[in-house]
Amino acid sequence: MNRRQGDARPPAGPPGGRKPLSRGGQGRPSGGVPRHGSGHPPAPPFPPRSSRAPSSALARRRPSPAAGRPSPAAGPRISLARALSKLGFCSRRQAEEVIAGRTVTVNGTRSRDPNHRVDLDRDRLAVDGVALRRPSFVYLMVNKPRGLVTTRSDEKGRDTVYTCLDDPALPWVAPVGRLDRASEGLLLFTNDTGWAARLLDPATHVDKTYHVQIDRLADEDLLQRLRAGVRAGADGEELTVKQVSVLRTGVRHCWLEIVLDEGRNRHIRRLLEALGTAVLRLVRVAIGRLALGDLPKGACRPLTPAERKMVTPY
């Protein structure tokens, strides 16, 4: 690419139970009727045999050792397929195949139903006899190269973003959002589904910053139309940007910096295409205040706790 023509790299969250019966099953609770010394004869240590309750009845009346103890609070019940995903064993999509083809047990009993409701705080799950436990959460950033598909496996045999995750000790992690095959830059991975859901929630409005090379020089009219938005596609979906500015201009091409606070499929490409402009390169350089920086293409590294807060502050 000719750098003189604008083709350079883009800039870089005590219950009480019944009191147990006294010996023999018919004693009085403490603080009851006074005994010897208050005008009453002392009570016999045991009642006559005929008045004793049958052992079976006594067993029914006697509180269990756990009586009065607080039981663990039940957590939310989720499908077995989702549980396998949350435990980091596989993706949600792969879970149905695992449940159908392998021995998945809940509290020792095999289940073939992906919709079987389970409580991760109380139920014991295993696959092929190996117990599943909550893994430590992992948060990664990847500099996605162009040409990789954002999926675990591709039916067409194309290379995927998982080629960037070459550490065999990593638990199963999923991409947080997507970049299309022709796009590059910052992509996050995690096995913390709650954190990922907060980041992807449209109500969160996390900014995503892109450097975009287009096949023309940008004038004020193009910038204004990008800010105003357009209706694209047969359904007239409205596409707009939060911010746009010119980064650098060459002879025939230029780089734009575009900020979105929502994520729709091929959002920037479709928006520019609707304005008669082609995208030559598209690089995501930041999510929230987390910048891609100088991470090499195809490389990954863990996020620090401070960096996680740069993406989602809670």
C-alpha atoms as a PDB file:
ATOM      1  CA  MET A   1       0.000   0.000   0.000  1.00  0.00           C
ATOM      2  CA  ASN A   2       1.288   3.510  -0.809  1.00  0.00           C
ATOM      3  CA  ARG A   3       1.657   5.396   2.432  1.00  0.00           C
ATOM      4  CA  ARG A   4       1.846   8.702   0.603  1.00  0.00           C
ATOM      5  CA  GLN A   5      -1.717   8.111  -0.480  1.00  0.00           C
ATOM      6  CA  GLY A   6      -3.160   7.719   2.997  1.00  0.00           C
ATOM      7  CA  ASP A   7      -2.586   3.986   3.192  1.00  0.00           C
ATOM      8  CA  ALA A   8      -0.360   4.045   6.284  1.00  0.00           C
ATOM      9  CA  ARG A   9      -1.189   2.159   9.416  1.00  0.00           C
ATOM     10  CA  PRO A  10      -3.887   3.654  11.578  1.00  0.00           C
ATOM     11  CA  PRO A  11      -2.750   5.533  14.693  1.00  0.00           C
ATOM     12  CA  ALA A  12      -2.285   3.793  17.241  1.00  0.00           C
ATOM     13  CA  GLY A  13     -18.204  -5.587  39.028  1.00  0.00           C
ATOM     14  CA  PRO A  14     -30.099 -17.743  63.572  1.00  0.00           C
ATOM     15  CA  PRO A  15     -33.186 -19.433  62.695  1.00  0.00           C
ATOM     16  CA  GLY A  16     -34.381 -21.373  65.658  1.00  0.00           C
ATOM     17  CA  GLY A  17     -35.917 -24.815  65.518  1.00  0.00           C
ATOM     18  CA  ARG A  18     -37.958 -26.744  68.093  1.00  0.00           C
ATOM     19  CA  LYS A  19     -36.087 -27.543  71.247  1.00  0.00           C
ATOM     20  CA  PRO A  20     -35.177 -31.228  71.343  1.00  0.00           C
ATOM     21  CA  LEU A  21     -37.165 -33.443  73.606  1.00  0.00           C
ATOM     22  CA  SER A  22     -35.566 -34.425  76.869  1.00  0.00           C
ATOM     23  CA  ARG A  23     -34.567 -37.955  77.605  1.00  0.00           C
ATOM     24  CA  GLY A  24     -37.458 -40.305  77.099  1.00  0.00           C
ATOM     25  CA  GLY A  25     -39.249 -37.918  74.810  1.00  0.00           C
ATOM     26  CA  GLN A  26     -41.456 -36.324  77.499  1.00  0.00           C
ATOM     27  CA  GLY A  27     -39.189 -33.995  79.449  1.00  0.00           C
ATOM     28  CA  ARG A  28     -40.015 -30.358  80.052  1.00  0.00           C
ATOM     29  CA  PRO A  29     -38.209 -27.441  78.464  1.00  0.00           C
ATOM     30  CA  SER A  30     -35.969 -25.426  80.746  1.00  0.00           C
ATOM     31  CA  GLY A  31     -37.832 -22.790  82.729  1.00  0.00           C
ATOM     32  CA  GLY A  32     -40.912 -25.042  83.096  1.00  0.00           C
ATOM     33  CA  VAL A  33     -42.720 -26.243  86.237  1.00  0.00           C
ATOM     34  CA  PRO A  34     -40.344 -26.305  89.236  1.00  0.00           C
ATOM     35  CA  ARG A  35     -39.338 -29.637  90.636  1.00  0.00           C
ATOM     36  CA  HIS A  36     -38.287 -30.797  94.102  1.00  0.00           C
ATOM     37  CA  GLY A  37     -37.936 -28.032  96.689  1.00  0.00           C
ATOM     38  CA  SER A  38     -41.023 -26.074  95.610  1.00  0.00           C
ATOM     39  CA  GLY A  39     -43.711 -28.268  97.158  1.00  0.00           C
ATOM     40  CA  HIS A  40     -43.869 -30.845  94.408  1.00  0.00           C
ATOM     41  CA  PRO A  41     -42.427 -34.331  94.496  1.00  0.00           C
ATOM     42  CA  PRO A  42     -39.467 -34.918  92.259  1.00  0.00           C
ATOM     43  CA  ALA A  43     -40.362 -36.252  88.835  1.00  0.00           C
ATOM     44  CA  PRO A  44     -39.301 -39.803  88.114  1.00  0.00           C
ATOM     45  CA  PRO A  45     -36.271 -40.021  85.871  1.00  0.00           C
ATOM     46  CA  PHE A  46     -38.203 -42.159  83.360  1.00  0.00           C
ATOM     47  CA  PRO A  47     -41.930 -42.523  82.810  1.00  0.00           C
ATOM     48  CA  PRO A  48     -43.481 -45.977  83.099  1.00  0.00           C
ATOM     49  CA  ARG A  49     -42.658 -48.194  80.119  1.00  0.00           C
ATOM     50  CA  SER A  50     -46.302 -48.316  79.059  1.00  0.00           C
ATOM     51  CA  SER A  51     -46.434 -44.529  78.736  1.00  0.00           C
ATOM     52  CA  ARG A  52     -43.363 -44.269  76.556  1.00  0.00           C
ATOM     53  CA  ALA A  53     -43.991 -43.338  72.964  1.00  0.00           C
ATOM     54  CA  PRO A  54     -43.232 -46.091  70.459  1.00  0.00           C
ATOM     55  CA  SER A  55     -39.799 -45.788  68.969  1.00  0.00           C
ATOM     56  CA  SER A  56     -41.233 -45.065  65.509  1.00  0.00           C
ATOM     57  CA  ALA A  57     -43.359 -42.226  66.826  1.00  0.00           C
ATOM     58  CA  LEU A  58     -40.432 -40.922  68.827  1.00  0.00           C
ATOM     59  CA  ALA A  59     -38.342 -40.882  65.679  1.00  0.00           C
ATOM     60  CA  ARG A  60     -41.010 -38.863  63.952  1.00  0.00           C
ATOM     61  CA  ARG A  61     -41.194 -36.390  66.820  1.00  0.00           C
ATOM     62  CA  ARG A  62     -37.452 -36.079  67.375  1.00  0.00           C
ATOM     63  CA  PRO A  63     -36.009 -33.262  65.264  1.00  0.00           C
ATOM     64  CA  SER A  64     -33.356 -34.228  62.735  1.00  0.00           C
ATOM     65  CA  PRO A  65     -29.781 -33.126  63.403  1.00  0.00           C
ATOM     66  CA  ALA A  66     -30.171 -30.474  60.711  1.00  0.00           C
ATOM     67  CA  ALA A  67     -33.355 -29.021  62.173  1.00  0.00           C
ATOM     68  CA  GLY A  68     -33.047 -25.333  62.837  1.00  0.00           C
ATOM     69  CA  ARG A  69     -29.987 -24.940  60.629  1.00  0.00           C
ATOM     70  CA  PRO A  70     -30.240 -22.553  57.691  1.00  0.00           C
ATOM     71  CA  SER A  71     -30.110 -24.384  54.361  1.00  0.00           C
ATOM     72  CA  PRO A  72     -28.079 -22.958  51.505  1.00  0.00           C
ATOM     73  CA  ALA A  73     -30.047 -20.449  49.501  1.00  0.00           C
ATOM     74  CA  ALA A  74     -31.124 -21.789  46.153  1.00  0.00           C
ATOM     75  CA  GLY A  75     -29.585 -19.979  43.221  1.00  0.00           C
ATOM     76  CA  PRO A  76     -31.222 -19.265  39.879  1.00  0.00           C
ATOM     77  CA  ARG A  77     -31.956 -22.403  37.880  1.00  0.00           C
ATOM     78  CA  ILE A  78     -30.638 -22.453  34.323  1.00  0.00           C
ATOM     79  CA  SER A  79     -30.639 -24.979  31.500  1.00  0.00           C
ATOM     80  CA  LEU A  80     -28.054 -27.740  31.509  1.00  0.00           C
ATOM     81  CA  ALA A  81     -26.719 -26.504  28.163  1.00  0.00           C
ATOM     82  CA  ARG A  82     -26.179 -23.030  29.560  1.00  0.00           C
ATOM     83  CA  ALA A  83     -24.599 -24.476  32.699  1.00  0.00           C
ATOM     84  CA  LEU A  84     -21.940 -26.286  30.660  1.00  0.00           C
ATOM     85  CA  SER A  85     -21.147 -23.003  28.960  1.00  0.00           C
ATOM     86  CA  LYS A  86     -21.020 -21.009  32.206  1.00  0.00           C
ATOM     87  CA  LEU A  87     -18.712 -23.614  33.735  1.00  0.00           C
ATOM     88  CA  GLY A  88     -16.342 -23.102  30.821  1.00  0.00           C
ATOM     89  CA  PHE A  89     -16.634 -26.633  29.430  1.00  0.00           C
ATOM     90  CA  CYS A  90     -17.817 -25.679  25.946  1.00  0.00           C
ATOM     91  CA  SER A  91     -19.826 -23.108  24.053  1.00  0.00           C
ATOM     92  CA  ARG A  92     -23.606 -22.903  24.390  1.00  0.00           C
ATOM     93  CA  ARG A  93     -23.962 -24.166  20.821  1.00  0.00           C
ATOM     94  CA  GLN A  94     -21.653 -27.130  21.425  1.00  0.00           C
ATOM     95  CA  ALA A  95     -23.400 -28.052  24.687  1.00  0.00           C
ATOM     96  CA  GLU A  96     -26.335 -29.807  23.012  1.00  0.00           C
ATOM     97  CA  GLU A  97     -23.939 -32.095  21.129  1.00  0.00           C
ATOM     98  CA  VAL A  98     -22.050 -32.841  24.345  1.00  0.00           C
ATOM     99  CA  ILE A  99     -25.245 -33.688  26.219  1.00  0.00           C
ATOM    100  CA  ALA A 100     -26.448 -35.963  23.406  1.00  0.00           C
ATOM    101  CA  GLY A 101     -23.160 -37.726  22.707  1.00  0.00           C
ATOM    102  CA  ARG A 102     -21.369 -37.923  26.039  1.00  0.00           C
ATOM    103  CA  THR A 103     -22.271 -38.923  29.595  1.00  0.00           C
ATOM    104  CA  VAL A 104     -23.444 -35.761  31.340  1.00  0.00           C
ATOM    105  CA  THR A 105     -24.710 -36.287  34.882  1.00  0.00           C
ATOM    106  CA  VAL A 106     -26.521 -34.090  37.375  1.00  0.00           C
ATOM    107  CA  ASN A 107     -26.063 -35.270  40.962  1.00  0.00           C
ATOM    108  CA  GLY A 108     -24.977 -38.676  39.640  1.00  0.00           C
ATOM    109  CA  THR A 109     -27.931 -39.162  37.283  1.00  0.00           C
ATOM    110  CA  ARG A 110     -27.438 -38.957  33.545  1.00  0.00           C
ATOM    111  CA  SER A 111     -29.396 -36.300  31.679  1.00  0.00           C
ATOM    112  CA  ARG A 112     -29.895 -36.113  27.926  1.00  0.00           C
ATOM    113  CA  ASP A 113     -32.088 -33.028  28.104  1.00  0.00           C
ATOM    114  CA  PRO A 114     -30.262 -29.753  27.325  1.00  0.00           C
ATOM    115  CA  ASN A 115     -33.171 -27.890  28.972  1.00  0.00           C
ATOM    116  CA  HIS A 116     -32.835 -29.792  32.271  1.00  0.00           C
ATOM    117  CA  ARG A 117     -32.911 -27.076  34.953  1.00  0.00           C
ATOM    118  CA  VAL A 118     -29.939 -27.009  37.307  1.00  0.00           C
ATOM    119  CA  ASP A 119     -28.622 -24.840  40.125  1.00  0.00           C
ATOM    120  CA  LEU A 120     -24.898 -24.234  39.803  1.00  0.00           C
ATOM    121  CA  ASP A 121     -24.634 -23.457  43.528  1.00  0.00           C
ATOM    122  CA  ARG A 122     -26.150 -26.761  44.677  1.00  0.00           C
ATOM    123  CA  ASP A 123     -26.086 -29.358  41.897  1.00  0.00           C
ATOM    124  CA  ARG A 124     -23.077 -31.528  41.017  1.00  0.00           C
ATOM    125  CA  LEU A 125     -22.351 -31.726  37.295  1.00  0.00           C
ATOM    126  CA  ALA A 126     -19.938 -34.074  35.551  1.00  0.00           C
ATOM    127  CA  VAL A 127     -19.008 -35.051  31.995  1.00  0.00           C
ATOM    128  CA  ASP A 128     -17.758 -38.602  31.429  1.00  0.00           C
ATOM    129  CA  GLY A 129     -17.238 -38.937  35.169  1.00  0.00           C
ATOM    130  CA  VAL A 130     -15.115 -35.799  35.515  1.00  0.00           C
ATOM    131  CA  ALA A 131     -16.627 -33.244  37.884  1.00  0.00           C
ATOM    132  CA  LEU A 132     -17.106 -29.734  36.546  1.00  0.00           C
ATOM    133  CA  ARG A 133     -16.137 -26.841  38.759  1.00  0.00           C
ATOM    134  CA  ARG A 134     -16.293 -23.134  38.248  1.00  0.00           C
ATOM    135  CA  PRO A 135     -13.001 -22.090  36.651  1.00  0.00           C
ATOM    136  CA  SER A 136     -11.168 -18.925  37.515  1.00  0.00           C
ATOM    137  CA  PHE A 137     -12.303 -16.088  35.292  1.00  0.00           C
ATOM    138  CA  VAL A 138     -10.059 -15.223  32.352  1.00  0.00           C
ATOM    139  CA  TYR A 139     -10.081 -11.908  30.466  1.00  0.00           C
ATOM    140  CA  LEU A 140      -8.035 -11.582  27.279  1.00  0.00           C
ATOM    141  CA  MET A 141      -7.448  -9.031  24.556  1.00  0.00           C
ATOM    142  CA  VAL A 142      -6.475 -10.096  21.026  1.00  0.00           C
ATOM    143  CA  ASN A 143      -5.266  -8.085  18.046  1.00  0.00           C
ATOM    144  CA  LYS A 144      -7.342  -9.859  15.397  1.00  0.00           C
ATOM    145  CA  PRO A 145      -5.688 -10.048  11.978  1.00  0.00           C
ATOM    146  CA  ARG A 146      -7.675  -9.635   8.802  1.00  0.00           C
ATOM    147  CA  GLY A 147      -9.007 -12.886   7.320  1.00  0.00           C
ATOM    148  CA  LEU A 148     -10.009 -14.701  10.534  1.00  0.00           C
ATOM    149  CA  VAL A 149     -13.610 -15.632  11.309  1.00  0.00           C
ATOM    150  CA  THR A 150     -14.948 -14.782  14.781  1.00  0.00           C
ATOM    151  CA  THR A 151     -16.233 -18.227  15.683  1.00  0.00           C
ATOM    152  CA  ARG A 152     -14.985 -21.398  17.371  1.00  0.00           C
ATOM    153  CA  SER A 153     -15.219 -23.548  14.244  1.00  0.00           C
ATOM    154  CA  ASP A 154     -16.136 -22.673  10.683  1.00  0.00           C
ATOM    155  CA  GLU A 155     -18.203 -24.957   8.459  1.00  0.00           C
ATOM    156  CA  LYS A 156     -16.237 -23.734   5.435  1.00  0.00           C
ATOM    157  CA  GLY A 157     -12.909 -24.626   6.998  1.00  0.00           C
ATOM    158  CA  ARG A 158     -11.674 -21.045   7.258  1.00  0.00           C
ATOM    159  CA  ASP A 159      -9.208 -20.012   9.944  1.00  0.00           C
ATOM    160  CA  THR A 160     -10.805 -18.624  13.098  1.00  0.00           C
ATOM    161  CA  VAL A 161      -9.792 -16.205  15.828  1.00  0.00           C
ATOM    162  CA  TYR A 162      -9.034 -19.180  18.078  1.00  0.00           C
ATOM    163  CA  THR A 163      -5.757 -19.633  16.189  1.00  0.00           C
ATOM    164  CA  CYS A 164      -4.618 -16.612  18.240  1.00  0.00           C
ATOM    165  CA  LEU A 165      -5.247 -18.500  21.499  1.00  0.00           C
ATOM    166  CA  ASP A 166      -2.495 -21.099  21.464  1.00  0.00           C
ATOM    167  CA  ASP A 167      -2.116 -21.645  25.228  1.00  0.00           C
ATOM    168  CA  PRO A 168      -3.339 -25.212  25.963  1.00  0.00           C
ATOM    169  CA  ALA A 169      -3.808 -24.302  29.647  1.00  0.00           C
ATOM    170  CA  LEU A 170      -6.525 -21.771  28.822  1.00  0.00           C
ATOM    171  CA  PRO A 171     -10.081 -22.723  29.834  1.00  0.00           C
ATOM    172  CA  TRP A 172     -12.815 -22.370  27.267  1.00  0.00           C
ATOM    173  CA  VAL A 173     -13.380 -18.682  26.482  1.00  0.00           C
ATOM    174  CA  ALA A 174     -15.741 -16.913  24.092  1.00  0.00           C
ATOM    175  CA  PRO A 175     -15.358 -13.708  22.082  1.00  0.00           C
ATOM    176  CA  VAL A 176     -17.176 -10.683  23.473  1.00  0.00           C
ATOM    177  CA  GLY A 177     -18.915  -9.385  20.371  1.00  0.00           C
ATOM    178  CA  ARG A 178     -17.560  -9.835  16.867  1.00  0.00           C
ATOM    179  CA  LEU A 179     -15.378  -8.441  14.142  1.00  0.00           C
ATOM    180  CA  ASP A 180     -16.198  -9.555  10.604  1.00  0.00           C
ATOM    181  CA  ARG A 181     -13.657 -11.485   8.600  1.00  0.00           C
ATOM    182  CA  ALA A 182     -12.298  -8.412   6.780  1.00  0.00           C
ATOM    183  CA  SER A 183     -11.987  -6.324   9.962  1.00  0.00           C
ATOM    184  CA  GLU A 184      -9.011  -6.107  12.309  1.00  0.00           C
ATOM    185  CA  GLY A 185      -8.081  -4.986  15.781  1.00  0.00           C
ATOM    186  CA  LEU A 186      -9.210  -5.253  19.370  1.00  0.00           C
ATOM    187  CA  LEU A 187     -11.280  -8.305  20.276  1.00  0.00           C
ATOM    188  CA  LEU A 188     -11.971  -9.443  23.851  1.00  0.00           C
ATOM    189  CA  PHE A 189     -12.371 -13.011  25.130  1.00  0.00           C
ATOM    190  CA  THR A 190     -13.622 -14.238  28.504  1.00  0.00           C
ATOM    191  CA  ASN A 191     -15.348 -17.078  30.342  1.00  0.00           C
ATOM    192  CA  ASP A 192     -17.100 -14.564  32.617  1.00  0.00           C
ATOM    193  CA  THR A 193     -20.527 -14.531  31.002  1.00  0.00           C
ATOM    194  CA  GLY A 194     -21.860 -11.876  33.387  1.00  0.00           C
ATOM    195  CA  TRP A 195     -19.083  -9.447  32.484  1.00  0.00           C
ATOM    196  CA  ALA A 196     -19.578 -10.151  28.783  1.00  0.00           C
ATOM    197  CA  ALA A 197     -23.331  -9.598  29.063  1.00  0.00           C
ATOM    198  CA  ARG A 198     -22.833  -6.197  30.712  1.00  0.00           C
ATOM    199  CA  LEU A 199     -20.416  -5.177  27.985  1.00  0.00           C
ATOM    200  CA  LEU A 200     -22.786  -6.253  25.199  1.00  0.00           C
ATOM    201  CA  ASP A 201     -25.948  -4.836  26.787  1.00  0.00           C
ATOM    202  CA  PRO A 202     -27.174  -2.005  24.503  1.00  0.00           C
ATOM    203  CA  ALA A 203     -28.203  -0.046  27.600  1.00  0.00           C
ATOM    204  CA  THR A 204     -24.541   0.150  28.671  1.00  0.00           C
ATOM    205  CA  HIS A 205     -23.558   2.259  25.625  1.00  0.00           C
ATOM    206  CA  VAL A 206     -19.882   1.310  25.720  1.00  0.00           C
ATOM    207  CA  ASP A 207     -17.988   3.330  23.094  1.00  0.00           C
ATOM    208  CA  LYS A 208     -16.088   1.421  20.418  1.00  0.00           C
ATOM    209  CA  THR A 209     -13.529   3.361  18.381  1.00  0.00           C
ATOM    210  CA  TYR A 210     -12.543   2.420  14.828  1.00  0.00           C
ATOM    211  CA  HIS A 211      -9.975   3.699  12.344  1.00  0.00           C
ATOM    212  CA  VAL A 212     -11.456   3.343   8.876  1.00  0.00           C
ATOM    213  CA  GLN A 213      -9.729   3.827   5.538  1.00  0.00           C
ATOM    214  CA  ILE A 214     -12.126   4.780   2.730  1.00  0.00           C
ATOM    215  CA  ASP A 215     -11.720   4.978  -1.037  1.00  0.00           C
ATOM    216  CA  ARG A 216     -12.220   8.726  -1.301  1.00  0.00           C
ATOM    217  CA  LEU A 217     -11.382  11.998   0.363  1.00  0.00           C
ATOM    218  CA  ALA A 218     -13.813  12.967   3.091  1.00  0.00           C
ATOM    219  CA  ASP A 219     -15.483  16.361   2.849  1.00  0.00           C
ATOM    220  CA  GLU A 220     -17.749  18.089   5.352  1.00  0.00           C
ATOM    221  CA  ASP A 221     -20.839  16.840   3.527  1.00  0.00           C
ATOM    222  CA  LEU A 222     -19.837  13.206   4.067  1.00  0.00           C
ATOM    223  CA  LEU A 223     -19.110  13.823   7.753  1.00  0.00           C
ATOM    224  CA  GLN A 224     -22.454  15.548   8.279  1.00  0.00           C
ATOM    225  CA  ARG A 225     -24.336  12.722   6.575  1.00  0.00           C
ATOM    226  CA  LEU A 226     -22.557  10.164   8.736  1.00  0.00           C
ATOM    227  CA  ARG A 227     -23.540  12.086  11.875  1.00  0.00           C
ATOM    228  CA  ALA A 228     -27.132  12.483  10.693  1.00  0.00           C
ATOM    229  CA  GLY A 229     -27.425   8.796   9.826  1.00  0.00           C
ATOM    230  CA  VAL A 230     -29.028   6.958   6.946  1.00  0.00           C
ATOM    231  CA  ARG A 231     -31.616   4.251   6.438  1.00  0.00           C
ATOM    232  CA  ALA A 232     -30.031   1.165   4.930  1.00  0.00           C
ATOM    233  CA  GLY A 233     -31.290  -2.138   3.601  1.00  0.00           C
ATOM    234  CA  ALA A 234     -34.746  -3.276   2.560  1.00  0.00           C
ATOM    235  CA  ASP A 235     -36.108  -2.786   6.070  1.00  0.00           C
ATOM    236  CA  GLY A 236     -34.820   0.781   6.307  1.00  0.00           C
ATOM    237  CA  GLU A 237     -32.684   0.188   9.399  1.00  0.00           C
ATOM    238  CA  GLU A 238     -31.343   3.492  10.712  1.00  0.00           C
ATOM    239  CA  LEU A 239     -27.557   3.594  11.003  1.00  0.00           C
ATOM    240  CA  THR A 240     -25.605   6.464  12.505  1.00  0.00           C
ATOM    241  CA  VAL A 241     -22.362   7.203  14.349  1.00  0.00           C
ATOM    242  CA  LYS A 242     -21.713   8.841  17.703  1.00  0.00           C
ATOM    243  CA  GLN A 243     -18.616  10.722  16.491  1.00  0.00           C
ATOM    244  CA  VAL A 244     -16.616  10.986  13.275  1.00  0.00           C
ATOM    245  CA  SER A 245     -13.499  12.950  12.333  1.00  0.00           C
ATOM    246  CA  VAL A 246     -10.749  12.872   9.697  1.00  0.00           C
ATOM    247  CA  LEU A 247      -7.488  11.355  10.931  1.00  0.00           C
ATOM    248  CA  ARG A 248      -5.309  11.713   7.878  1.00  0.00           C
ATOM    249  CA  THR A 249      -5.746  12.518   4.195  1.00  0.00           C
ATOM    250  CA  GLY A 250      -3.745  11.223   1.240  1.00  0.00           C
ATOM    251  CA  VAL A 251      -4.007  11.858  -2.483  1.00  0.00           C
ATOM    252  CA  ARG A 252      -7.026   9.641  -3.130  1.00  0.00           C
ATOM    253  CA  HIS A 253      -7.835   7.963   0.185  1.00  0.00           C
ATOM    254  CA  CYS A 254      -8.233   9.023   3.799  1.00  0.00           C
ATOM    255  CA  TRP A 255      -8.570   7.610   7.295  1.00  0.00           C
ATOM    256  CA  LEU A 256     -11.582   8.371   9.490  1.00  0.00           C
ATOM    257  CA  GLU A 257     -11.974   7.864  13.228  1.00  0.00           C
ATOM    258  CA  ILE A 258     -15.496   6.638  13.955  1.00  0.00           C
ATOM    259  CA  VAL A 259     -16.986   6.059  17.414  1.00  0.00           C
ATOM    260  CA  LEU A 260     -20.068   3.871  17.895  1.00  0.00           C
ATOM    261  CA  ASP A 261     -21.991   3.310  21.122  1.00  0.00           C
ATOM    262  CA  GLU A 262     -24.029   0.463  19.661  1.00  0.00           C
ATOM    263  CA  GLY A 263     -23.057  -2.588  17.680  1.00  0.00           C
ATOM    264  CA  ARG A 264     -24.976  -3.807  14.663  1.00  0.00           C
ATOM    265  CA  ASN A 265     -23.928  -6.278  12.024  1.00  0.00           C
ATOM    266  CA  ARG A 266     -21.386  -4.644   9.667  1.00  0.00           C
ATOM    267  CA  HIS A 267     -22.578  -1.283  10.977  1.00  0.00           C
ATOM    268  CA  ILE A 268     -19.824   0.960   9.565  1.00  0.00           C
ATOM    269  CA  ARG A 269     -19.521  -0.868   6.246  1.00  0.00           C
ATOM    270  CA  ARG A 270     -23.253  -0.718   5.549  1.00  0.00           C
ATOM    271  CA  LEU A 271     -23.462   2.929   6.589  1.00  0.00           C
ATOM    272  CA  LEU A 272     -20.645   4.002   4.270  1.00  0.00           C
ATOM    273  CA  GLU A 273     -21.894   1.802   1.433  1.00  0.00           C
ATOM    274  CA  ALA A 274     -25.274   3.541   1.678  1.00  0.00           C
ATOM    275  CA  LEU A 275     -23.383   6.797   1.062  1.00  0.00           C
ATOM    276  CA  GLY A 276     -21.538   5.395  -1.945  1.00  0.00           C
ATOM    277  CA  THR A 277     -18.255   4.950  -0.096  1.00  0.00           C
ATOM    278  CA  ALA A 278     -16.214   1.737   0.114  1.00  0.00           C
ATOM    279  CA  VAL A 279     -14.229   0.648   3.148  1.00  0.00           C
ATOM    280  CA  LEU A 280     -10.645  -0.382   2.372  1.00  0.00           C
ATOM    281  CA  ARG A 281      -9.579  -1.190   5.945  1.00  0.00           C
ATOM    282  CA  LEU A 282     -11.400  -1.225   9.264  1.00  0.00           C
ATOM    283  CA  VAL A 283      -9.477  -1.490  12.540  1.00  0.00           C
ATOM    284  CA  ARG A 284     -11.044  -1.414  16.015  1.00  0.00           C
ATOM    285  CA  VAL A 285      -8.560   0.467  18.203  1.00  0.00           C
ATOM    286  CA  ALA A 286     -10.451   0.850  21.512  1.00  0.00           C
ATOM    287  CA  ILE A 287     -13.377  -0.422  23.579  1.00  0.00           C
ATOM    288  CA  GLY A 288     -14.361   2.083  26.233  1.00  0.00           C
ATOM    289  CA  ARG A 289     -11.067   3.512  27.488  1.00  0.00           C
ATOM    290  CA  LEU A 290      -9.201   0.277  26.745  1.00  0.00           C
ATOM    291  CA  ALA A 291      -6.876   0.867  23.780  1.00  0.00           C
ATOM    292  CA  LEU A 292      -5.346  -1.767  21.513  1.00  0.00           C
ATOM    293  CA  GLY A 293      -1.961  -0.094  21.890  1.00  0.00           C
ATOM    294  CA  ASP A 294       1.064  -1.817  20.386  1.00  0.00           C
ATOM    295  CA  LEU A 295      -0.141  -5.419  20.776  1.00  0.00           C
ATOM    296  CA  PRO A 296       1.200  -7.261  17.694  1.00  0.00           C
ATOM    297  CA  LYS A 297      -1.196  -8.715  15.143  1.00  0.00           C
ATOM    298  CA  GLY A 298      -2.361 -12.174  16.114  1.00  0.00           C
ATOM    299  CA  ALA A 299      -1.108 -11.791  19.694  1.00  0.00           C
ATOM    300  CA  CYS A 300      -3.135 -11.971  22.894  1.00  0.00           C
ATOM    301  CA  ARG A 301      -2.542 -11.010  26.509  1.00  0.00           C
ATOM    302  CA  PRO A 302      -4.566 -10.948  29.745  1.00  0.00           C
ATOM    303  CA  LEU A 303      -6.310  -7.807  30.921  1.00  0.00           C
ATOM    304  CA  THR A 304      -5.364  -6.279  34.252  1.00  0.00           C
ATOM    305  CA  PRO A 305      -8.139  -5.520  36.783  1.00  0.00           C
ATOM    306  CA  ALA A 306      -7.714  -1.820  35.997  1.00  0.00           C
ATOM    307  CA  GLU A 307      -8.134  -2.496  32.273  1.00  0.00           C
ATOM    308  CA  ARG A 308     -11.347  -4.428  32.890  1.00  0.00           C
ATOM    309  CA  LYS A 309     -12.751  -1.337  34.591  1.00  0.00           C
ATOM    310  CA  MET A 310     -11.787   0.719  31.534  1.00  0.00           C
ATOM    311  CA  VAL A 311     -14.275  -1.378  29.570  1.00  0.00           C
ATOM    312  CA  THR A 312     -17.081  -1.774  32.106  1.00  0.00           C
ATOM    313  CA  PRO A 313     -16.768   0.402  35.218  1.00  0.00           C
ATOM    314  CA  TYR A 314     -19.023  -1.844  37.337  1.00  0.00           C
END
